[in-house]
Amino acid sequence: MSTSRVVAIDGPSGSGKSSTSRAVAARLGLAYLDTGAMYRAMTWALLQAKVDVTDAEAVATAAHTVTLASGTDPASPTIYVDGQDVSVPIRGEEVTAAVSPVATVPAVRHLLVARQRDIIAGSDGIVVEGRDIGSVVVPDAAVKIYLVADPGARAVRRAAETGATDASATERSLVRRDQIDSTRATSPLLKATGAVQIDSTHLSLDDVVQAIVDIAHASLEAAR
């Protein structure tokens, strides 16, 4: 797998990864992959199948029956489960509440990481966002970014995205997910070796995108 044109953007929920990654991909003329959407889609499929998402063995067994397809156009990313577009329902509260326990199951992570690597290998260059991209999925990516923001700022952003009226409840939910994601045994959320950390708390989206584009251009020039 060539990683000379792979930009890995990791970070906790609400740090601005999706908006940033899509904009960076568009600016650089690269494909885009939202790995978080893959875990959400898997979670949605399991919930639809009435699988107990707290039963790791049941989740591992059922996960192998789910067919996911991820679109990589940054202007219009898509995610399908068994041929059904689930871009909207995977952002609902039920999936949000259940995705962390599903994502902690090693069999699910191994399955989706393999799929992610296939998509990356089949691209001519791609921006990939998630929580373990630079540390596990593509540890030798040309550019590795760790995007963070304080919990309050992340909660306000996430509440605006979802239409939630209680930012404090959203903040508690984000902090709880941070704890789960950073302490799971398989592929925990962490800053990858060699990653550049960017704190987006007091930066505009354009500022963050420009910073990453500049880093990417410098890396691509050095690789020539």
Protein backbone atom coordinates (compact mmCIF):
# COMPACT_ATOMS: atom_id res chain seq x y z
CA MET A 1 0.00 0.00 0.00
CA SER A 2 1.46 3.36 -1.04
CA THR A 3 1.05 5.89 1.76
CA SER A 4 2.82 8.86 0.16
CA ARG A 5 -0.53 10.54 -0.54
CA VAL A 6 -2.43 9.56 2.60
CA VAL A 7 -3.47 12.19 5.13
CA ALA A 8 -4.57 10.65 8.44
CA ILE A 9 -6.68 12.84 10.71
CA ASP A 10 -7.47 11.47 14.16
CA GLY A 11 -9.12 12.96 17.21
CA PRO A 12 -12.00 12.69 19.67
CA SER A 13 -15.69 13.22 18.90
CA GLY A 14 -16.64 16.80 18.12
CA SER A 15 -13.11 18.01 17.41
CA GLY A 16 -14.11 18.97 13.87
CA LYS A 17 -12.62 15.99 12.02
CA SER A 18 -15.39 15.52 9.47
CA SER A 19 -15.75 19.12 8.28
CA THR A 20 -11.99 19.56 8.33
CA SER A 21 -11.20 16.30 6.54
CA ARG A 22 -13.73 16.86 3.78
CA ALA A 23 -12.46 20.39 3.18
CA VAL A 24 -8.83 19.27 3.17
CA ALA A 25 -9.62 16.49 0.69
CA ALA A 26 -11.41 18.93 -1.60
CA ARG A 27 -8.55 21.44 -1.42
CA LEU A 28 -5.93 18.79 -2.18
CA GLY A 29 -7.97 16.97 -4.82
CA LEU A 30 -7.96 13.75 -2.82
CA ALA A 31 -10.59 11.15 -1.95
CA TYR A 32 -12.12 11.11 1.54
CA LEU A 33 -12.99 8.31 3.95
CA ASP A 34 -14.95 8.69 7.18
CA THR A 35 -14.10 5.57 9.17
CA GLY A 36 -16.36 6.67 12.01
CA ALA A 37 -19.31 6.37 9.63
CA MET A 38 -18.32 2.76 9.03
CA TYR A 39 -18.53 1.95 12.74
CA ARG A 40 -21.83 3.81 12.96
CA ALA A 41 -23.18 1.91 9.96
CA MET A 42 -22.15 -1.38 11.51
CA THR A 43 -23.86 -0.35 14.73
CA TRP A 44 -27.04 0.63 12.86
CA ALA A 45 -27.09 -2.74 11.10
CA LEU A 46 -26.70 -4.63 14.38
CA LEU A 47 -29.45 -2.61 16.04
CA GLN A 48 -31.75 -3.30 13.09
CA ALA A 49 -31.00 -7.01 13.49
CA LYS A 50 -31.86 -6.78 17.21
CA VAL A 51 -28.35 -7.79 18.24
CA ASP A 52 -27.44 -6.98 21.85
CA VAL A 53 -24.59 -4.52 21.30
CA THR A 54 -23.30 -5.14 24.82
CA ASP A 55 -22.74 -8.83 23.97
CA ALA A 56 -19.30 -8.84 22.35
CA GLU A 57 -19.61 -12.41 21.09
CA ALA A 58 -22.97 -11.75 19.45
CA VAL A 59 -21.63 -8.54 17.89
CA ALA A 60 -18.55 -10.33 16.54
CA THR A 61 -20.67 -13.08 14.98
CA ALA A 62 -23.24 -10.73 13.42
CA ALA A 63 -20.67 -8.25 12.11
CA HIS A 64 -19.45 -10.72 9.50
CA THR A 65 -22.90 -10.81 7.90
CA VAL A 66 -23.03 -7.05 7.25
CA THR A 67 -21.94 -5.62 3.89
CA LEU A 68 -20.76 -2.00 4.00
CA ALA A 69 -19.93 0.29 1.07
CA SER A 70 -18.29 3.67 1.61
CA GLY A 71 -18.27 6.44 -0.98
CA THR A 72 -15.10 8.55 -1.08
CA ASP A 73 -16.25 11.78 -2.76
CA PRO A 74 -15.58 14.60 -0.26
CA ALA A 75 -18.38 16.66 -1.81
CA SER A 76 -20.93 13.92 -1.21
CA PRO A 77 -19.71 11.06 1.00
CA THR A 78 -22.02 8.07 1.25
CA ILE A 79 -22.34 4.95 3.40
CA TYR A 80 -24.47 1.94 2.51
CA VAL A 81 -25.48 -1.15 4.48
CA ASP A 82 -26.48 -4.09 2.30
CA GLY A 83 -27.29 -1.65 -0.50
CA GLN A 84 -29.30 0.80 1.65
CA ASP A 85 -28.17 4.40 2.09
CA VAL A 86 -27.88 4.93 5.86
CA SER A 87 -26.13 8.32 5.89
CA VAL A 88 -28.97 9.90 7.86
CA PRO A 89 -30.02 7.22 10.38
CA ILE A 90 -26.46 6.50 11.52
CA ARG A 91 -26.32 10.01 13.02
CA GLY A 92 -29.34 9.40 15.27
CA GLU A 93 -29.24 9.20 19.07
CA GLU A 94 -29.76 5.43 19.19
CA VAL A 95 -26.66 4.75 17.08
CA THR A 96 -24.64 7.42 18.90
CA ALA A 97 -25.39 5.75 22.23
CA ALA A 98 -24.47 2.28 20.95
CA VAL A 99 -21.47 2.84 18.70
CA SER A 100 -18.74 2.82 21.38
CA PRO A 101 -19.47 -0.70 22.70
CA VAL A 102 -19.61 -1.99 19.13
CA ALA A 103 -16.34 -0.27 18.24
CA THR A 104 -14.55 -1.86 21.20
CA VAL A 105 -15.13 -5.39 19.88
CA PRO A 106 -11.81 -6.59 18.37
CA ALA A 107 -13.51 -8.61 15.62
CA VAL A 108 -15.36 -5.51 14.42
CA ARG A 109 -12.20 -3.42 14.40
CA HIS A 110 -10.22 -6.08 12.54
CA LEU A 111 -12.98 -6.43 9.96
CA LEU A 112 -13.37 -2.70 9.33
CA VAL A 113 -9.65 -1.91 9.43
CA ALA A 114 -9.12 -4.47 6.67
CA ARG A 115 -11.87 -2.81 4.63
CA GLN A 116 -10.40 0.64 5.27
CA ARG A 117 -6.97 -0.49 4.09
CA ASP A 118 -8.51 -1.89 0.91
CA ILE A 119 -10.19 1.46 0.18
CA ILE A 120 -6.97 3.36 0.88
CA ALA A 121 -4.92 1.01 -1.30
CA GLY A 122 -7.39 1.48 -4.16
CA SER A 123 -7.15 5.28 -4.09
CA ASP A 124 -4.74 7.66 -5.81
CA GLY A 125 -4.57 9.71 -2.62
CA ILE A 126 -6.98 10.05 0.28
CA VAL A 127 -7.78 11.90 3.49
CA VAL A 128 -8.87 9.43 6.15
CA GLU A 129 -10.48 10.46 9.43
CA GLY A 130 -11.04 8.44 12.56
CA ARG A 131 -9.52 7.58 15.91
CA ASP A 132 -6.83 5.04 15.02
CA ILE A 133 -5.82 5.98 11.47
CA GLY A 134 -2.30 7.20 12.17
CA SER A 135 -1.69 4.70 14.95
CA VAL A 136 -3.15 1.49 13.46
CA VAL A 137 -4.77 1.75 10.03
CA VAL A 138 -1.97 3.63 8.22
CA PRO A 139 0.87 4.18 10.70
CA ASP A 140 3.23 5.27 7.90
CA ALA A 141 0.82 7.81 6.38
CA ALA A 142 2.61 10.74 4.78
CA VAL A 143 0.73 13.21 7.00
CA LYS A 144 -0.63 12.46 10.46
CA ILE A 145 -2.77 15.00 12.29
CA TYR A 146 -4.24 14.76 15.80
CA LEU A 147 -7.11 17.23 16.02
CA VAL A 148 -8.32 18.22 19.48
CA ALA A 149 -10.53 20.81 21.16
CA ASP A 150 -11.69 21.33 24.73
CA PRO A 151 -14.87 19.44 25.73
CA GLY A 152 -16.99 22.58 25.98
CA ALA A 153 -16.19 23.67 22.44
CA ARG A 154 -16.74 20.16 21.11
CA ALA A 155 -20.11 19.95 22.86
CA VAL A 156 -21.31 23.20 21.34
CA ARG A 157 -20.30 22.03 17.87
CA ARG A 158 -21.90 18.62 18.25
CA ALA A 159 -25.11 20.09 19.68
CA ALA A 160 -25.31 22.44 16.69
CA GLU A 161 -24.86 19.50 14.30
CA THR A 162 -27.49 17.33 15.96
CA GLY A 163 -29.95 20.02 17.02
CA ALA A 164 -29.56 19.12 20.70
CA THR A 165 -30.67 21.84 23.11
CA ASP A 166 -28.66 20.75 26.15
CA ALA A 167 -24.97 21.34 25.44
CA SER A 168 -24.02 20.22 28.96
CA ALA A 169 -25.59 16.80 28.36
CA THR A 170 -23.78 16.62 25.04
CA GLU A 171 -20.51 17.44 26.79
CA ARG A 172 -21.04 14.66 29.35
CA SER A 173 -21.74 12.24 26.51
CA LEU A 174 -18.57 13.27 24.67
CA VAL A 175 -16.41 12.93 27.78
CA ARG A 176 -17.91 9.48 28.44
CA ARG A 177 -17.14 8.41 24.87
CA ASP A 178 -13.59 9.79 25.14
CA GLN A 179 -13.10 7.55 28.18
CA ILE A 180 -14.38 4.47 26.37
CA ASP A 181 -12.43 5.15 23.18
CA SER A 182 -9.14 5.95 24.91
CA THR A 183 -9.18 2.94 27.25
CA ARG A 184 -10.39 0.16 24.94
CA ALA A 185 -7.95 -2.72 24.55
CA THR A 186 -7.95 -2.73 20.74
CA SER A 187 -6.90 0.39 18.79
CA PRO A 188 -7.48 2.99 21.51
CA LEU A 189 -7.81 6.67 20.70
CA LEU A 190 -4.36 8.22 21.04
CA LYS A 191 -1.98 10.62 19.35
CA ALA A 192 0.03 8.61 16.84
CA THR A 193 3.81 8.75 16.78
CA GLY A 194 4.86 11.60 14.50
CA ALA A 195 1.42 13.22 14.41
CA VAL A 196 1.07 17.00 14.48
CA GLN A 197 -1.42 18.08 17.14
CA ILE A 198 -3.75 20.94 16.27
CA ASP A 199 -6.06 22.44 18.89
CA SER A 200 -9.13 23.75 17.11
CA THR A 201 -10.78 25.25 20.21
CA HIS A 202 -10.13 28.86 19.20
CA LEU A 203 -9.55 28.38 15.47
CA SER A 204 -11.98 28.74 12.60
CA LEU A 205 -12.57 25.85 10.24
CA ASP A 206 -10.67 27.71 7.51
CA ASP A 207 -7.70 28.19 9.84
CA VAL A 208 -7.53 24.48 10.66
CA VAL A 209 -7.96 23.42 7.04
CA GLN A 210 -5.23 25.82 5.88
CA ALA A 211 -2.82 24.55 8.53
CA ILE A 212 -3.31 20.94 7.43
CA VAL A 213 -3.12 21.80 3.73
CA ASP A 214 0.18 23.59 4.36
CA ILE A 215 1.55 20.56 6.25
CA ALA A 216 0.38 18.25 3.46
CA HIS A 217 1.93 20.38 0.71
CA ALA A 218 5.25 20.43 2.56
CA SER A 219 5.16 16.65 2.96
CA LEU A 220 4.26 16.02 -0.67
CA GLU A 221 7.03 18.35 -1.86
CA ALA A 222 9.55 16.56 0.35
CA ALA A 223 8.47 13.20 -1.08
CA ARG A 224 9.18 14.25 -4.67
